[in-house]
Amino acid sequence: MAKAIHSMIRVLDEARSLAFYETAFGLTVADRLDFPEFTLVYLSNAETGFELELTVNKDRTEPYDLGDGYGHLAVSVADLEAEHARFTAEGLNPRKLVEFAPAGEVVAKFFVVADPDGYQIEVLAREGRFA
């Protein structure tokens, strides 16, 4: 079977992205591969072996066009309300808390936050399917 190991996103400002992901999710640099035209920075934390790969193209000056397809990363947290309050206090501008109940029964509780490049990250309560 395949094992998911990382997901890659392109970022414009490495320092800004590193600060966001460390503040928001405790992700720190696990590895860094520097090449003449681009740098790959792998972020992780003790919660999982899955990594987020940031690709920094050195000649890029314009923000990336993320398109109109809805995609996102997702993480789970033990205390959703406390994390929402912490994100707010850190100035990360999380969206409102949501109880997702399309058929009347709550399936998930979450909020969404955008990283500095506009990537959407769903922060889910660690319960039910997402425990």
N, C-alpha and C. Protein backbone atom coordinates (compact mmCIF):
# COMPACT_ATOMS: atom_id res chain seq x y z
N MET A 1 0.84 -1.19 0.00
CA MET A 1 0.00 0.00 0.00
C MET A 1 0.88 1.25 0.00
N ALA A 2 0.35 2.29 -0.56
CA ALA A 2 1.06 3.57 -0.58
C ALA A 2 0.96 4.24 0.79
N LYS A 3 1.96 4.99 1.13
CA LYS A 3 2.00 5.76 2.38
C LYS A 3 2.14 7.22 2.02
N ALA A 4 1.19 8.06 2.42
CA ALA A 4 1.28 9.50 2.16
C ALA A 4 2.44 10.06 2.96
N ILE A 5 3.33 10.81 2.29
CA ILE A 5 4.51 11.32 2.99
C ILE A 5 4.61 12.85 3.00
N HIS A 6 4.12 13.51 1.94
CA HIS A 6 4.12 14.97 1.97
C HIS A 6 3.17 15.54 0.93
N SER A 7 2.88 16.80 1.12
CA SER A 7 2.13 17.58 0.14
C SER A 7 2.94 18.84 -0.12
N MET A 8 2.98 19.30 -1.38
CA MET A 8 3.80 20.45 -1.75
C MET A 8 2.92 21.64 -2.11
N ILE A 9 3.34 22.80 -1.66
CA ILE A 9 2.74 24.05 -2.09
C ILE A 9 3.86 25.01 -2.47
N ARG A 10 3.56 25.92 -3.39
CA ARG A 10 4.53 26.94 -3.79
C ARG A 10 4.27 28.21 -2.98
N VAL A 11 5.34 28.77 -2.43
CA VAL A 11 5.20 29.97 -1.62
C VAL A 11 6.10 31.07 -2.16
N LEU A 12 5.67 32.30 -1.97
CA LEU A 12 6.40 33.45 -2.48
C LEU A 12 7.49 33.90 -1.51
N ASP A 13 7.18 33.96 -0.23
CA ASP A 13 8.10 34.50 0.77
C ASP A 13 8.38 33.42 1.81
N GLU A 14 9.56 32.82 1.73
CA GLU A 14 9.90 31.71 2.61
C GLU A 14 9.78 32.08 4.09
N ALA A 15 10.37 33.18 4.49
CA ALA A 15 10.37 33.57 5.91
C ALA A 15 8.95 33.76 6.43
N ARG A 16 8.11 34.42 5.65
CA ARG A 16 6.72 34.65 6.04
C ARG A 16 5.98 33.32 6.19
N SER A 17 6.19 32.40 5.28
CA SER A 17 5.54 31.09 5.34
C SER A 17 6.04 30.27 6.52
N LEU A 18 7.35 30.27 6.75
CA LEU A 18 7.89 29.53 7.89
C LEU A 18 7.32 30.06 9.21
N ALA A 19 7.23 31.37 9.34
CA ALA A 19 6.67 31.96 10.56
C ALA A 19 5.21 31.56 10.74
N PHE A 20 4.43 31.61 9.66
CA PHE A 20 3.02 31.23 9.74
C PHE A 20 2.86 29.77 10.18
N TYR A 21 3.52 28.86 9.51
CA TYR A 21 3.32 27.43 9.79
C TYR A 21 3.86 27.04 11.16
N GLU A 22 4.90 27.71 11.65
CA GLU A 22 5.36 27.42 13.00
C GLU A 22 4.39 27.97 14.03
N THR A 23 3.93 29.20 13.85
CA THR A 23 2.98 29.79 14.78
C THR A 23 1.65 29.04 14.78
N ALA A 24 1.13 28.74 13.60
CA ALA A 24 -0.18 28.12 13.50
C ALA A 24 -0.17 26.66 13.92
N PHE A 25 0.80 25.88 13.46
CA PHE A 25 0.73 24.43 13.60
C PHE A 25 1.96 23.78 14.24
N GLY A 26 2.90 24.58 14.69
CA GLY A 26 4.10 24.03 15.31
C GLY A 26 4.98 23.27 14.33
N LEU A 27 4.86 23.59 13.04
CA LEU A 27 5.69 22.94 12.03
C LEU A 27 7.04 23.64 11.95
N THR A 28 8.09 22.85 11.98
CA THR A 28 9.44 23.39 11.88
C THR A 28 10.18 22.68 10.74
N VAL A 29 11.31 23.24 10.36
CA VAL A 29 12.07 22.71 9.24
C VAL A 29 12.67 21.35 9.61
N ALA A 30 12.28 20.33 8.85
CA ALA A 30 12.83 18.98 9.02
C ALA A 30 13.98 18.76 8.06
N ASP A 31 13.91 19.40 6.90
CA ASP A 31 14.97 19.26 5.90
C ASP A 31 14.87 20.42 4.93
N ARG A 32 15.95 20.68 4.26
CA ARG A 32 16.01 21.78 3.30
C ARG A 32 16.94 21.36 2.17
N LEU A 33 16.44 21.47 0.94
CA LEU A 33 17.25 21.16 -0.24
C LEU A 33 17.33 22.42 -1.08
N ASP A 34 18.53 22.96 -1.18
CA ASP A 34 18.71 24.22 -1.90
C ASP A 34 19.34 23.96 -3.26
N PHE A 35 18.72 24.50 -4.29
CA PHE A 35 19.18 24.36 -5.67
C PHE A 35 19.35 25.75 -6.26
N PRO A 36 20.03 25.89 -7.38
CA PRO A 36 20.25 27.22 -7.95
C PRO A 36 18.96 28.01 -8.23
N GLU A 37 17.92 27.36 -8.70
CA GLU A 37 16.70 28.08 -9.09
C GLU A 37 15.56 27.99 -8.08
N PHE A 38 15.63 27.04 -7.14
CA PHE A 38 14.55 26.89 -6.17
C PHE A 38 15.06 26.20 -4.92
N THR A 39 14.26 26.31 -3.86
CA THR A 39 14.57 25.65 -2.59
C THR A 39 13.35 24.85 -2.17
N LEU A 40 13.59 23.65 -1.66
CA LEU A 40 12.53 22.82 -1.09
C LEU A 40 12.73 22.79 0.41
N VAL A 41 11.68 23.16 1.15
CA VAL A 41 11.75 23.18 2.61
C VAL A 41 10.67 22.23 3.12
N TYR A 42 11.08 21.21 3.88
CA TYR A 42 10.15 20.22 4.42
C TYR A 42 9.85 20.56 5.87
N LEU A 43 8.56 20.69 6.19
CA LEU A 43 8.13 21.05 7.53
C LEU A 43 7.42 19.87 8.18
N SER A 44 7.63 19.70 9.48
CA SER A 44 6.94 18.63 10.21
C SER A 44 6.84 19.00 11.68
N ASN A 45 6.10 18.16 12.41
CA ASN A 45 6.07 18.26 13.87
C ASN A 45 5.96 16.85 14.44
N ALA A 46 5.97 16.73 15.75
CA ALA A 46 5.99 15.42 16.40
C ALA A 46 4.66 14.66 16.28
N GLU A 47 3.60 15.31 15.84
CA GLU A 47 2.29 14.67 15.76
C GLU A 47 2.19 13.63 14.66
N THR A 48 2.96 13.79 13.58
CA THR A 48 2.80 12.91 12.43
C THR A 48 4.08 12.86 11.61
N GLY A 49 4.24 11.83 10.83
CA GLY A 49 5.36 11.74 9.93
C GLY A 49 5.12 12.45 8.61
N PHE A 50 3.89 12.90 8.38
CA PHE A 50 3.53 13.59 7.15
C PHE A 50 4.18 14.97 7.14
N GLU A 51 4.72 15.38 6.00
CA GLU A 51 5.39 16.67 5.90
C GLU A 51 4.71 17.59 4.90
N LEU A 52 4.89 18.88 5.12
CA LEU A 52 4.47 19.89 4.18
C LEU A 52 5.74 20.39 3.49
N GLU A 53 5.77 20.29 2.16
CA GLU A 53 6.91 20.74 1.39
C GLU A 53 6.61 22.12 0.81
N LEU A 54 7.42 23.09 1.17
CA LEU A 54 7.31 24.43 0.60
C LEU A 54 8.31 24.54 -0.53
N THR A 55 7.84 24.91 -1.72
CA THR A 55 8.73 25.15 -2.84
C THR A 55 8.85 26.66 -3.02
N VAL A 56 10.07 27.14 -2.97
CA VAL A 56 10.35 28.57 -3.12
C VAL A 56 11.14 28.74 -4.42
N ASN A 57 10.49 29.28 -5.44
CA ASN A 57 11.18 29.57 -6.71
C ASN A 57 11.88 30.91 -6.55
N LYS A 58 13.19 30.91 -6.68
CA LYS A 58 14.01 32.08 -6.33
C LYS A 58 13.78 33.29 -7.22
N ASP A 59 13.34 33.11 -8.45
CA ASP A 59 13.12 34.26 -9.33
C ASP A 59 11.68 34.76 -9.31
N ARG A 60 10.85 34.17 -8.49
CA ARG A 60 9.43 34.52 -8.46
C ARG A 60 9.20 35.80 -7.65
N THR A 61 8.46 36.76 -8.25
CA THR A 61 8.15 38.00 -7.54
C THR A 61 6.64 38.23 -7.43
N GLU A 62 5.86 37.54 -8.23
CA GLU A 62 4.41 37.71 -8.23
C GLU A 62 3.74 36.58 -7.46
N PRO A 63 2.66 36.87 -6.73
CA PRO A 63 1.92 35.80 -6.05
C PRO A 63 1.42 34.75 -7.04
N TYR A 64 1.30 33.52 -6.58
CA TYR A 64 0.80 32.44 -7.42
C TYR A 64 -0.71 32.56 -7.59
N ASP A 65 -1.20 32.20 -8.76
CA ASP A 65 -2.63 32.13 -9.03
C ASP A 65 -3.11 30.76 -8.56
N LEU A 66 -3.91 30.73 -7.53
CA LEU A 66 -4.35 29.46 -6.96
C LEU A 66 -5.55 28.88 -7.70
N GLY A 67 -6.08 29.61 -8.67
CA GLY A 67 -7.18 29.09 -9.48
C GLY A 67 -8.52 29.13 -8.77
N ASP A 68 -9.49 28.52 -9.39
CA ASP A 68 -10.84 28.55 -8.82
C ASP A 68 -11.29 27.18 -8.32
N GLY A 69 -10.40 26.20 -8.32
CA GLY A 69 -10.73 24.90 -7.73
C GLY A 69 -10.57 24.98 -6.23
N TYR A 70 -11.49 24.38 -5.49
CA TYR A 70 -11.40 24.45 -4.04
C TYR A 70 -10.59 23.27 -3.52
N GLY A 71 -9.44 23.54 -3.01
CA GLY A 71 -8.61 22.52 -2.39
C GLY A 71 -8.13 23.03 -1.05
N HIS A 72 -7.70 22.14 -0.19
CA HIS A 72 -7.21 22.57 1.11
C HIS A 72 -6.37 21.50 1.76
N LEU A 73 -5.58 21.90 2.74
CA LEU A 73 -4.93 21.00 3.66
C LEU A 73 -5.84 20.88 4.87
N ALA A 74 -5.72 19.81 5.62
CA ALA A 74 -6.52 19.65 6.84
C ALA A 74 -5.64 19.12 7.96
N VAL A 75 -5.85 19.66 9.15
CA VAL A 75 -5.18 19.18 10.36
C VAL A 75 -6.24 19.00 11.43
N SER A 76 -5.95 18.16 12.42
CA SER A 76 -6.87 18.00 13.54
C SER A 76 -6.20 18.49 14.81
N VAL A 77 -7.00 19.01 15.74
CA VAL A 77 -6.50 19.52 17.01
C VAL A 77 -7.37 18.99 18.14
N ALA A 78 -6.78 18.88 19.32
CA ALA A 78 -7.49 18.34 20.48
C ALA A 78 -8.56 19.30 21.01
N ASP A 79 -8.30 20.60 21.00
CA ASP A 79 -9.24 21.57 21.55
C ASP A 79 -9.48 22.66 20.50
N LEU A 80 -10.51 22.48 19.71
CA LEU A 80 -10.79 23.37 18.58
C LEU A 80 -11.03 24.81 19.03
N GLU A 81 -11.82 24.99 20.07
CA GLU A 81 -12.15 26.34 20.53
C GLU A 81 -10.90 27.06 21.03
N ALA A 82 -10.05 26.36 21.78
CA ALA A 82 -8.82 26.97 22.29
C ALA A 82 -7.89 27.35 21.12
N GLU A 83 -7.80 26.49 20.11
CA GLU A 83 -6.96 26.80 18.96
C GLU A 83 -7.52 27.99 18.18
N HIS A 84 -8.83 28.06 18.04
CA HIS A 84 -9.45 29.20 17.36
C HIS A 84 -9.11 30.49 18.10
N ALA A 85 -9.22 30.46 19.43
CA ALA A 85 -8.88 31.64 20.24
C ALA A 85 -7.40 31.99 20.09
N ARG A 86 -6.53 30.98 20.08
CA ARG A 86 -5.09 31.23 19.93
C ARG A 86 -4.77 31.82 18.56
N PHE A 87 -5.37 31.27 17.50
CA PHE A 87 -5.16 31.81 16.16
C PHE A 87 -5.60 33.27 16.10
N THR A 88 -6.73 33.56 16.72
CA THR A 88 -7.24 34.94 16.75
C THR A 88 -6.25 35.85 17.48
N ALA A 89 -5.78 35.42 18.65
CA ALA A 89 -4.83 36.21 19.43
C ALA A 89 -3.51 36.42 18.69
N GLU A 90 -3.10 35.45 17.88
CA GLU A 90 -1.85 35.54 17.11
C GLU A 90 -2.01 36.38 15.84
N GLY A 91 -3.24 36.84 15.57
CA GLY A 91 -3.48 37.65 14.38
C GLY A 91 -3.52 36.85 13.09
N LEU A 92 -3.83 35.55 13.18
CA LEU A 92 -3.85 34.69 12.00
C LEU A 92 -5.19 34.72 11.26
N ASN A 93 -6.16 35.44 11.80
CA ASN A 93 -7.45 35.67 11.15
C ASN A 93 -8.20 34.40 10.75
N PRO A 94 -8.45 33.51 11.72
CA PRO A 94 -9.25 32.33 11.38
C PRO A 94 -10.70 32.73 11.09
N ARG A 95 -11.34 31.97 10.23
CA ARG A 95 -12.77 32.20 9.98
C ARG A 95 -13.56 31.63 11.14
N LYS A 96 -14.85 31.81 11.11
CA LYS A 96 -15.71 31.40 12.23
C LYS A 96 -15.70 29.89 12.43
N LEU A 97 -16.01 29.49 13.66
CA LEU A 97 -16.17 28.07 13.98
C LEU A 97 -17.43 27.56 13.30
N VAL A 98 -17.36 26.35 12.73
CA VAL A 98 -18.48 25.77 11.99
C VAL A 98 -18.78 24.39 12.54
N GLU A 99 -20.08 24.09 12.69
CA GLU A 99 -20.52 22.72 12.95
C GLU A 99 -21.13 22.24 11.65
N PHE A 100 -20.45 21.33 10.98
CA PHE A 100 -20.88 20.83 9.67
C PHE A 100 -21.89 19.71 9.89
N ALA A 101 -23.15 19.99 9.53
CA ALA A 101 -24.25 19.03 9.75
C ALA A 101 -25.19 19.04 8.55
N PRO A 102 -24.74 18.57 7.39
CA PRO A 102 -25.56 18.66 6.18
C PRO A 102 -26.86 17.86 6.23
N ALA A 103 -26.91 16.79 7.02
CA ALA A 103 -28.14 15.99 7.12
C ALA A 103 -28.75 16.09 8.51
N GLY A 104 -28.37 17.13 9.26
CA GLY A 104 -28.93 17.35 10.58
C GLY A 104 -28.07 16.83 11.72
N GLU A 105 -27.15 15.91 11.45
CA GLU A 105 -26.24 15.38 12.46
C GLU A 105 -24.85 15.97 12.24
N VAL A 106 -24.22 16.43 13.32
CA VAL A 106 -22.90 17.05 13.21
C VAL A 106 -21.87 15.99 12.77
N VAL A 107 -21.25 16.24 11.65
CA VAL A 107 -20.22 15.35 11.10
C VAL A 107 -18.83 15.83 11.51
N ALA A 108 -18.67 17.15 11.58
CA ALA A 108 -17.36 17.71 11.91
C ALA A 108 -17.52 19.12 12.46
N LYS A 109 -16.57 19.50 13.28
CA LYS A 109 -16.47 20.88 13.77
C LYS A 109 -15.12 21.40 13.31
N PHE A 110 -15.10 22.62 12.77
CA PHE A 110 -13.86 23.12 12.20
C PHE A 110 -13.88 24.63 12.04
N PHE A 111 -12.71 25.16 11.71
CA PHE A 111 -12.58 26.51 11.18
C PHE A 111 -11.55 26.46 10.08
N VAL A 112 -11.51 27.49 9.26
CA VAL A 112 -10.57 27.56 8.15
C VAL A 112 -9.70 28.80 8.33
N VAL A 113 -8.43 28.66 7.97
CA VAL A 113 -7.50 29.78 8.01
C VAL A 113 -6.72 29.75 6.69
N ALA A 114 -6.36 30.93 6.21
CA ALA A 114 -5.55 31.02 4.99
C ALA A 114 -4.11 31.31 5.37
N ASP A 115 -3.18 30.66 4.67
CA ASP A 115 -1.76 30.95 4.91
C ASP A 115 -1.39 32.22 4.13
N PRO A 116 -0.16 32.71 4.25
CA PRO A 116 0.21 33.97 3.59
C PRO A 116 0.05 33.98 2.07
N ASP A 117 0.05 32.81 1.44
CA ASP A 117 -0.11 32.74 -0.01
C ASP A 117 -1.55 32.46 -0.43
N GLY A 118 -2.46 32.36 0.54
CA GLY A 118 -3.87 32.14 0.23
C GLY A 118 -4.32 30.70 0.25
N TYR A 119 -3.42 29.76 0.57
CA TYR A 119 -3.83 28.36 0.68
C TYR A 119 -4.76 28.21 1.88
N GLN A 120 -5.83 27.45 1.70
CA GLN A 120 -6.82 27.25 2.74
C GLN A 120 -6.46 26.03 3.58
N ILE A 121 -6.55 26.18 4.90
CA ILE A 121 -6.24 25.09 5.82
C ILE A 121 -7.43 24.90 6.74
N GLU A 122 -7.96 23.69 6.72
CA GLU A 122 -9.10 23.33 7.57
C GLU A 122 -8.57 22.78 8.88
N VAL A 123 -9.00 23.36 9.99
CA VAL A 123 -8.58 22.92 11.31
C VAL A 123 -9.79 22.26 11.96
N LEU A 124 -9.72 20.93 12.13
CA LEU A 124 -10.84 20.11 12.60
C LEU A 124 -10.66 19.70 14.04
N ALA A 125 -11.80 19.59 14.74
CA ALA A 125 -11.77 19.00 16.09
C ALA A 125 -11.38 17.55 15.96
N ARG A 126 -10.51 17.09 16.82
CA ARG A 126 -10.03 15.71 16.81
C ARG A 126 -11.07 14.82 17.50
N GLU A 127 -12.13 14.51 16.76
CA GLU A 127 -13.20 13.69 17.28
C GLU A 127 -13.92 13.01 16.12
N GLY A 128 -14.71 11.98 16.44
CA GLY A 128 -15.45 11.26 15.40
C GLY A 128 -14.50 10.71 14.35
N ARG A 129 -14.81 10.93 13.11
CA ARG A 129 -13.99 10.44 11.99
C ARG A 129 -12.58 11.00 12.02
N PHE A 130 -12.40 12.15 12.64
CA PHE A 130 -11.11 12.85 12.61
C PHE A 130 -10.32 12.69 13.91
N ALA A 131 -10.69 11.70 14.71
CA ALA A 131 -10.00 11.47 16.00
C ALA A 131 -8.59 10.95 15.77
